[in-house]
Amino acid sequence: MSERAAPFYCPYCGDEDLRPSEEGTVRGAGAAWECRACSRAFRLKFLGLLAPGTAGSAPAASPSPSAAPSAPDGGTP
């Protein structure tokens, strides 16, 4: 497997005009890329594989207190 994985789109603007950065890359630090459309630079780094059975099993979010309905006059319901 190669050291550098090539992105297809800029994670900021979605454009496809990406070039490898001239910045030196330290092994394991991630590959640096430059987007010519939005003039941003970013790094890509492979973190690892997920354990079997963990993909898509995020815990359900409980409603936050700020999302609870309140009385129309601003008081406690």
N, C-alpha and C. Protein backbone atom coordinates (compact mmCIF):
# COMPACT_ATOMS: atom_id res chain seq x y z
N MET A 1 0.84 -1.17 0.00
CA MET A 1 0.00 0.00 0.00
C MET A 1 0.89 1.23 0.00
N SER A 2 0.48 2.26 -0.74
CA SER A 2 1.30 3.46 -0.83
C SER A 2 1.18 4.32 0.43
N GLU A 3 2.14 5.16 0.64
CA GLU A 3 2.17 6.05 1.79
C GLU A 3 1.08 7.12 1.67
N ARG A 4 0.74 7.53 0.46
CA ARG A 4 -0.16 8.66 0.26
C ARG A 4 -1.46 8.21 -0.39
N ALA A 5 -2.57 8.51 0.25
CA ALA A 5 -3.89 8.25 -0.33
C ALA A 5 -4.36 9.54 -0.98
N ALA A 6 -4.87 9.46 -2.17
CA ALA A 6 -5.29 10.65 -2.90
C ALA A 6 -6.75 10.97 -2.65
N PRO A 7 -7.05 12.18 -2.17
CA PRO A 7 -8.46 12.58 -2.02
C PRO A 7 -9.04 12.94 -3.38
N PHE A 8 -10.34 12.80 -3.52
CA PHE A 8 -11.01 13.14 -4.76
C PHE A 8 -11.61 14.54 -4.73
N TYR A 9 -11.98 15.02 -3.53
CA TYR A 9 -12.61 16.32 -3.37
C TYR A 9 -12.01 17.06 -2.19
N CYS A 10 -12.04 18.39 -2.26
CA CYS A 10 -11.61 19.22 -1.13
C CYS A 10 -12.66 19.08 -0.02
N PRO A 11 -12.25 18.85 1.23
CA PRO A 11 -13.22 18.71 2.32
C PRO A 11 -13.89 20.03 2.68
N TYR A 12 -13.38 21.16 2.19
CA TYR A 12 -13.94 22.47 2.51
C TYR A 12 -14.89 22.99 1.44
N CYS A 13 -14.48 22.94 0.17
CA CYS A 13 -15.30 23.52 -0.90
C CYS A 13 -15.85 22.48 -1.87
N GLY A 14 -15.33 21.25 -1.86
CA GLY A 14 -15.82 20.21 -2.73
C GLY A 14 -15.21 20.21 -4.13
N ASP A 15 -14.29 21.11 -4.40
CA ASP A 15 -13.67 21.17 -5.72
C ASP A 15 -12.70 20.01 -5.92
N GLU A 16 -12.40 19.71 -7.17
CA GLU A 16 -11.52 18.58 -7.49
C GLU A 16 -10.11 19.00 -7.86
N ASP A 17 -9.79 20.29 -7.83
CA ASP A 17 -8.46 20.76 -8.23
C ASP A 17 -7.50 20.68 -7.03
N LEU A 18 -7.06 19.47 -6.73
CA LEU A 18 -6.18 19.23 -5.58
C LEU A 18 -4.79 18.87 -6.06
N ARG A 19 -3.79 19.31 -5.32
CA ARG A 19 -2.40 19.00 -5.63
C ARG A 19 -1.69 18.57 -4.36
N PRO A 20 -0.74 17.66 -4.45
CA PRO A 20 0.07 17.33 -3.26
C PRO A 20 0.83 18.57 -2.81
N SER A 21 0.92 18.77 -1.52
CA SER A 21 1.62 19.93 -0.99
C SER A 21 3.12 19.75 -1.13
N GLU A 22 3.81 20.84 -1.30
CA GLU A 22 5.27 20.82 -1.37
C GLU A 22 5.88 20.66 0.02
N GLU A 23 5.07 20.84 1.04
CA GLU A 23 5.53 20.72 2.42
C GLU A 23 6.01 19.29 2.68
N GLY A 24 7.13 19.16 3.35
CA GLY A 24 7.66 17.83 3.67
C GLY A 24 6.72 17.09 4.60
N THR A 25 6.49 15.83 4.32
CA THR A 25 5.59 15.01 5.12
C THR A 25 6.39 14.06 5.99
N VAL A 26 6.13 14.09 7.27
CA VAL A 26 6.76 13.18 8.21
C VAL A 26 5.96 11.88 8.19
N ARG A 27 6.64 10.76 8.17
CA ARG A 27 5.96 9.47 8.11
C ARG A 27 5.00 9.32 9.28
N GLY A 28 3.76 8.98 8.97
CA GLY A 28 2.74 8.81 10.00
C GLY A 28 1.99 10.07 10.36
N ALA A 29 2.42 11.24 9.83
CA ALA A 29 1.75 12.50 10.17
C ALA A 29 0.60 12.80 9.24
N GLY A 30 0.48 12.08 8.14
CA GLY A 30 -0.59 12.35 7.18
C GLY A 30 -0.06 13.11 5.99
N ALA A 31 -0.69 12.91 4.85
CA ALA A 31 -0.27 13.56 3.62
C ALA A 31 -0.90 14.96 3.53
N ALA A 32 -0.12 15.93 3.10
CA ALA A 32 -0.60 17.30 2.96
C ALA A 32 -1.05 17.54 1.52
N TRP A 33 -2.21 18.18 1.37
CA TRP A 33 -2.79 18.49 0.07
C TRP A 33 -3.18 19.96 0.03
N GLU A 34 -3.20 20.53 -1.17
CA GLU A 34 -3.60 21.92 -1.37
C GLU A 34 -4.76 21.97 -2.36
N CYS A 35 -5.78 22.77 -2.05
CA CYS A 35 -6.90 22.98 -2.96
C CYS A 35 -6.65 24.30 -3.67
N ARG A 36 -6.57 24.25 -4.99
CA ARG A 36 -6.32 25.47 -5.77
C ARG A 36 -7.57 26.33 -5.88
N ALA A 37 -8.74 25.77 -5.66
CA ALA A 37 -9.98 26.53 -5.79
C ALA A 37 -10.21 27.45 -4.58
N CYS A 38 -10.02 26.94 -3.36
CA CYS A 38 -10.29 27.74 -2.17
C CYS A 38 -9.01 28.13 -1.41
N SER A 39 -7.86 27.74 -1.93
CA SER A 39 -6.55 28.10 -1.35
C SER A 39 -6.38 27.59 0.08
N ARG A 40 -6.92 26.41 0.36
CA ARG A 40 -6.74 25.82 1.68
C ARG A 40 -5.80 24.62 1.57
N ALA A 41 -5.10 24.36 2.65
CA ALA A 41 -4.22 23.19 2.74
C ALA A 41 -4.76 22.33 3.87
N PHE A 42 -4.67 21.01 3.70
CA PHE A 42 -5.17 20.09 4.71
C PHE A 42 -4.35 18.82 4.67
N ARG A 43 -4.47 18.01 5.72
CA ARG A 43 -3.77 16.73 5.81
C ARG A 43 -4.78 15.60 5.87
N LEU A 44 -4.40 14.48 5.30
CA LEU A 44 -5.17 13.25 5.38
C LEU A 44 -4.35 12.22 6.12
N LYS A 45 -4.98 11.54 7.04
CA LYS A 45 -4.28 10.51 7.80
C LYS A 45 -5.21 9.33 8.03
N PHE A 46 -4.74 8.14 7.73
CA PHE A 46 -5.49 6.93 7.98
C PHE A 46 -5.37 6.59 9.46
N LEU A 47 -6.49 6.47 10.14
CA LEU A 47 -6.47 6.21 11.58
C LEU A 47 -6.47 4.73 11.92
N GLY A 48 -7.11 3.92 11.11
CA GLY A 48 -7.16 2.48 11.38
C GLY A 48 -8.50 1.90 11.00
N LEU A 49 -8.65 0.63 11.25
CA LEU A 49 -9.89 -0.07 10.93
C LEU A 49 -10.77 -0.12 12.16
N LEU A 50 -12.08 -0.09 11.93
CA LEU A 50 -13.03 -0.20 13.03
C LEU A 50 -13.16 -1.66 13.44
N ALA A 51 -13.45 -1.88 14.70
CA ALA A 51 -13.67 -3.23 15.19
C ALA A 51 -14.97 -3.76 14.59
N PRO A 52 -15.06 -5.04 14.30
CA PRO A 52 -16.28 -5.60 13.73
C PRO A 52 -17.49 -5.32 14.60
N GLY A 53 -18.58 -4.91 13.98
CA GLY A 53 -19.82 -4.65 14.71
C GLY A 53 -19.95 -3.25 15.27
N THR A 54 -18.95 -2.38 15.08
CA THR A 54 -19.05 -1.03 15.64
C THR A 54 -19.50 0.00 14.61
N ALA A 55 -19.46 -0.33 13.33
CA ALA A 55 -19.86 0.63 12.31
C ALA A 55 -21.36 0.87 12.38
N GLY A 56 -21.74 2.15 12.49
CA GLY A 56 -23.15 2.51 12.50
C GLY A 56 -23.87 2.22 13.80
N SER A 57 -23.16 1.99 14.89
CA SER A 57 -23.82 1.69 16.16
C SER A 57 -23.62 2.82 17.16
N ALA A 58 -23.74 4.07 16.69
CA ALA A 58 -23.61 5.21 17.58
C ALA A 58 -24.79 5.23 18.55
N PRO A 59 -24.57 5.60 19.81
CA PRO A 59 -25.68 5.63 20.77
C PRO A 59 -26.68 6.71 20.38
N ALA A 60 -27.95 6.48 20.68
CA ALA A 60 -28.99 7.46 20.37
C ALA A 60 -28.81 8.67 21.27
N ALA A 61 -28.96 9.83 20.68
CA ALA A 61 -28.78 11.07 21.44
C ALA A 61 -30.04 11.34 22.25
N SER A 62 -29.84 11.72 23.51
CA SER A 62 -30.98 12.08 24.34
C SER A 62 -31.28 13.56 24.12
N PRO A 63 -32.54 13.96 24.25
CA PRO A 63 -32.87 15.37 24.00
C PRO A 63 -32.18 16.26 25.03
N SER A 64 -31.69 17.38 24.55
CA SER A 64 -31.01 18.31 25.45
C SER A 64 -32.03 19.17 26.17
N PRO A 65 -31.69 19.71 27.34
CA PRO A 65 -32.63 20.54 28.08
C PRO A 65 -33.05 21.77 27.29
N SER A 66 -32.18 22.30 26.44
CA SER A 66 -32.52 23.50 25.67
C SER A 66 -33.55 23.20 24.60
N ALA A 67 -33.73 21.92 24.23
CA ALA A 67 -34.69 21.55 23.21
C ALA A 67 -36.08 21.30 23.81
N ALA A 68 -36.20 21.33 25.13
CA ALA A 68 -37.48 21.09 25.78
C ALA A 68 -38.40 22.27 25.54
N PRO A 69 -39.70 22.01 25.31
CA PRO A 69 -40.63 23.12 25.09
C PRO A 69 -40.78 23.96 26.35
N SER A 70 -41.01 25.24 26.17
CA SER A 70 -41.21 26.14 27.31
C SER A 70 -42.54 26.83 27.18
N ALA A 71 -43.00 27.46 28.23
CA ALA A 71 -44.27 28.17 28.23
C ALA A 71 -44.17 29.38 27.32
N PRO A 72 -45.28 29.79 26.69
CA PRO A 72 -45.25 30.92 25.77
C PRO A 72 -44.82 32.23 26.44
N ASP A 73 -45.05 32.38 27.74
CA ASP A 73 -44.68 33.62 28.40
C ASP A 73 -43.23 33.62 28.88
N GLY A 74 -42.47 32.55 28.58
CA GLY A 74 -41.07 32.47 28.97
C GLY A 74 -40.87 31.84 30.33
N GLY A 75 -41.98 31.52 31.03
CA GLY A 75 -41.88 30.91 32.34
C GLY A 75 -41.73 29.41 32.25
N THR A 76 -41.79 28.73 33.38
CA THR A 76 -41.69 27.28 33.44
C THR A 76 -43.01 26.68 32.99
N PRO A 77 -42.99 25.65 32.17
CA PRO A 77 -44.26 25.03 31.71
C PRO A 77 -44.99 24.35 32.84
